[in-house]
Amino acid sequence: MDQTAAQRQNYDRMAKAIAMTPYMRHLAMEFVEAEEGYAKLKMTYQKQNSTYGEALHGGAISSLIDTTGAMAAWTTAEIMTPKYFGSTVGINVNYLSAAIGEDIFAEGRVLKRGKEIIYSDVRVTNGEGKLLAQGTVVYRIIEREAKE
């Protein structure tokens, strides 16, 4: 896959945004990779994010789905620049199997990109590829008007 310098710079900013955001850092999220319309993140297992049975809490999984869907959306615009602003406007999560004391991975793919609204499908798996959760994220990115 050939990436342009601008794409690589945007993906570097995406990784930086995840590393710098306190909540994402608290949940041990890491940027893995991205390409146009696609993003992959990892969440390292931490006991403080689990239930009594060492199952990763659903809220942590939901947060990973939200963030991954947003990062997939950001592959279509320049993250961390004053030109754009974005936020999640909707999320739906389906829990399919428990993550017991293990790291998980989320892969988000843009399903449709409108003028401002981006729909992404996110799949969460463990290291062996077992599907643990699936979600959809509706994200809005607006282009700010240039200040004169």
Protein backbone atom coordinates (compact mmCIF):
# COMPACT_ATOMS: atom_id res chain seq x y z
CA MET A 1 0.00 0.00 0.00
CA ASP A 2 1.44 3.34 -1.04
CA GLN A 3 0.60 6.17 1.32
CA THR A 4 1.08 9.79 0.52
CA ALA A 5 3.12 11.98 2.85
CA ALA A 6 -0.09 13.77 3.89
CA GLN A 7 -1.76 10.45 4.78
CA ARG A 8 1.25 9.29 6.80
CA GLN A 9 1.30 12.63 8.62
CA ASN A 10 -2.43 12.29 9.41
CA TYR A 11 -1.93 8.73 10.71
CA ASP A 12 0.98 9.94 12.87
CA ARG A 13 -1.33 12.63 14.30
CA MET A 14 -4.00 9.97 14.95
CA ALA A 15 -1.50 7.90 16.94
CA LYS A 16 -0.46 11.02 18.85
CA ALA A 17 -4.09 11.94 19.61
CA ILE A 18 -4.70 8.51 21.15
CA ALA A 19 -1.45 8.59 23.13
CA MET A 20 -2.15 12.12 24.45
CA THR A 21 -5.81 11.72 25.40
CA PRO A 22 -6.03 10.90 29.14
CA TYR A 23 -9.10 8.64 28.87
CA MET A 24 -7.66 6.62 26.00
CA ARG A 25 -4.34 6.35 27.84
CA HIS A 26 -6.20 5.25 31.00
CA LEU A 27 -7.83 2.44 29.03
CA ALA A 28 -4.44 1.48 27.47
CA MET A 29 -5.54 2.11 23.90
CA GLU A 30 -2.88 2.13 21.21
CA PHE A 31 -2.99 3.11 17.55
CA VAL A 32 -1.90 0.14 15.41
CA GLU A 33 -2.45 1.15 11.78
CA ALA A 34 -4.66 3.00 9.35
CA GLU A 35 -5.35 3.53 5.69
CA GLU A 36 -8.07 5.39 3.83
CA GLY A 37 -11.38 4.40 5.45
CA TYR A 38 -9.78 1.97 7.94
CA ALA A 39 -8.24 2.11 11.41
CA LYS A 40 -7.01 -0.55 13.83
CA LEU A 41 -6.48 -0.03 17.55
CA LYS A 42 -5.36 -2.25 20.42
CA MET A 43 -6.46 -2.20 24.05
CA THR A 44 -4.07 -3.84 26.48
CA TYR A 45 -5.79 -5.77 29.27
CA GLN A 46 -5.72 -4.05 32.65
CA LYS A 47 -7.31 -5.58 35.74
CA GLN A 48 -8.80 -2.21 36.78
CA ASN A 49 -10.93 -2.24 33.58
CA SER A 50 -12.44 -5.65 34.28
CA THR A 51 -15.21 -7.27 36.29
CA TYR A 52 -14.68 -9.68 39.21
CA GLY A 53 -14.20 -12.55 36.77
CA GLU A 54 -11.44 -10.71 34.88
CA ALA A 55 -13.81 -10.12 31.98
CA LEU A 56 -13.11 -6.79 30.32
CA HIS A 57 -15.92 -4.39 31.24
CA GLY A 58 -18.39 -3.62 28.45
CA GLY A 59 -17.86 0.10 28.92
CA ALA A 60 -14.18 -0.27 28.06
CA ILE A 61 -15.09 -2.27 24.93
CA SER A 62 -17.68 0.36 23.98
CA SER A 63 -15.06 3.09 24.39
CA LEU A 64 -12.69 1.20 22.11
CA ILE A 65 -15.43 0.83 19.50
CA ASP A 66 -16.23 4.55 19.71
CA THR A 67 -12.58 5.56 19.38
CA THR A 68 -11.86 3.13 16.54
CA GLY A 69 -14.91 4.27 14.57
CA ALA A 70 -13.84 7.88 15.09
CA MET A 71 -10.29 7.11 13.92
CA ALA A 72 -11.63 5.39 10.79
CA ALA A 73 -13.66 8.56 10.13
CA TRP A 74 -10.57 10.71 10.68
CA THR A 75 -8.80 8.90 7.84
CA THR A 76 -11.05 11.05 5.62
CA ALA A 77 -9.96 14.41 7.12
CA GLU A 78 -7.00 16.00 8.92
CA ILE A 79 -7.13 15.23 12.64
CA MET A 80 -5.67 17.68 15.20
CA THR A 81 -5.74 20.68 12.89
CA PRO A 82 -7.80 23.85 13.35
CA LYS A 83 -9.45 23.20 9.98
CA TYR A 84 -11.73 20.37 11.22
CA PHE A 85 -13.80 19.51 14.27
CA GLY A 86 -15.41 16.15 14.97
CA SER A 87 -17.51 14.25 17.48
CA THR A 88 -19.46 11.04 17.87
CA VAL A 89 -23.19 11.47 17.36
CA GLY A 90 -24.24 7.85 17.80
CA ILE A 91 -22.94 4.43 18.75
CA ASN A 92 -24.47 0.96 18.86
CA VAL A 93 -22.65 -1.96 20.48
CA ASN A 94 -23.33 -5.70 20.36
CA TYR A 95 -21.40 -7.87 22.82
CA LEU A 96 -20.86 -11.34 21.40
CA SER A 97 -18.31 -13.01 23.69
CA ALA A 98 -16.31 -12.10 26.78
CA ALA A 99 -12.70 -10.96 26.74
CA ILE A 100 -11.19 -12.72 29.76
CA GLY A 101 -7.85 -11.29 30.89
CA GLU A 102 -6.63 -10.64 27.35
CA ASP A 103 -5.70 -7.82 25.01
CA ILE A 104 -8.24 -6.94 22.36
CA PHE A 105 -8.13 -5.35 18.91
CA ALA A 106 -10.68 -3.23 17.07
CA GLU A 107 -10.85 -2.70 13.33
CA GLY A 108 -13.05 0.08 12.01
CA ARG A 109 -14.14 0.52 8.41
CA VAL A 110 -15.99 3.48 6.97
CA LEU A 111 -19.27 2.27 5.47
CA LYS A 112 -20.37 5.62 4.07
CA ARG A 113 -18.95 9.14 4.07
CA GLY A 114 -21.37 11.99 3.56
CA LYS A 115 -20.60 15.70 3.59
CA GLU A 116 -20.35 15.74 7.41
CA ILE A 117 -21.63 12.36 8.66
CA ILE A 118 -19.49 9.22 8.54
CA TYR A 119 -20.83 5.73 9.31
CA SER A 120 -18.30 3.10 10.47
CA ASP A 121 -18.51 -0.59 11.29
CA VAL A 122 -16.19 -1.76 14.07
CA ARG A 123 -15.27 -5.37 14.90
CA VAL A 124 -13.52 -6.28 18.16
CA THR A 125 -11.48 -9.47 18.38
CA ASN A 126 -8.95 -11.11 20.68
CA GLY A 127 -5.43 -12.00 19.59
CA GLU A 128 -6.62 -15.25 18.01
CA GLY A 129 -9.23 -13.45 15.90
CA LYS A 130 -12.32 -14.52 17.90
CA LEU A 131 -15.11 -11.97 17.39
CA LEU A 132 -15.98 -10.43 20.77
CA ALA A 133 -18.10 -7.41 19.87
CA GLN A 134 -19.41 -5.46 16.91
CA GLY A 135 -20.57 -1.89 16.76
CA THR A 136 -21.52 0.96 14.51
CA VAL A 137 -20.32 4.49 15.04
CA VAL A 138 -21.88 7.59 13.55
CA TYR A 139 -19.34 10.40 13.55
CA ARG A 140 -19.57 14.00 12.37
CA ILE A 141 -16.63 15.97 11.01
CA ILE A 142 -17.19 19.59 10.04
CA GLU A 143 -14.85 21.91 8.23
CA ARG A 144 -14.49 25.14 10.14
CA GLU A 145 -14.69 28.40 8.30
CA ALA A 146 -11.36 30.15 7.92
CA LYS A 147 -10.91 33.11 10.25
CA GLU A 148 -9.93 36.28 8.50
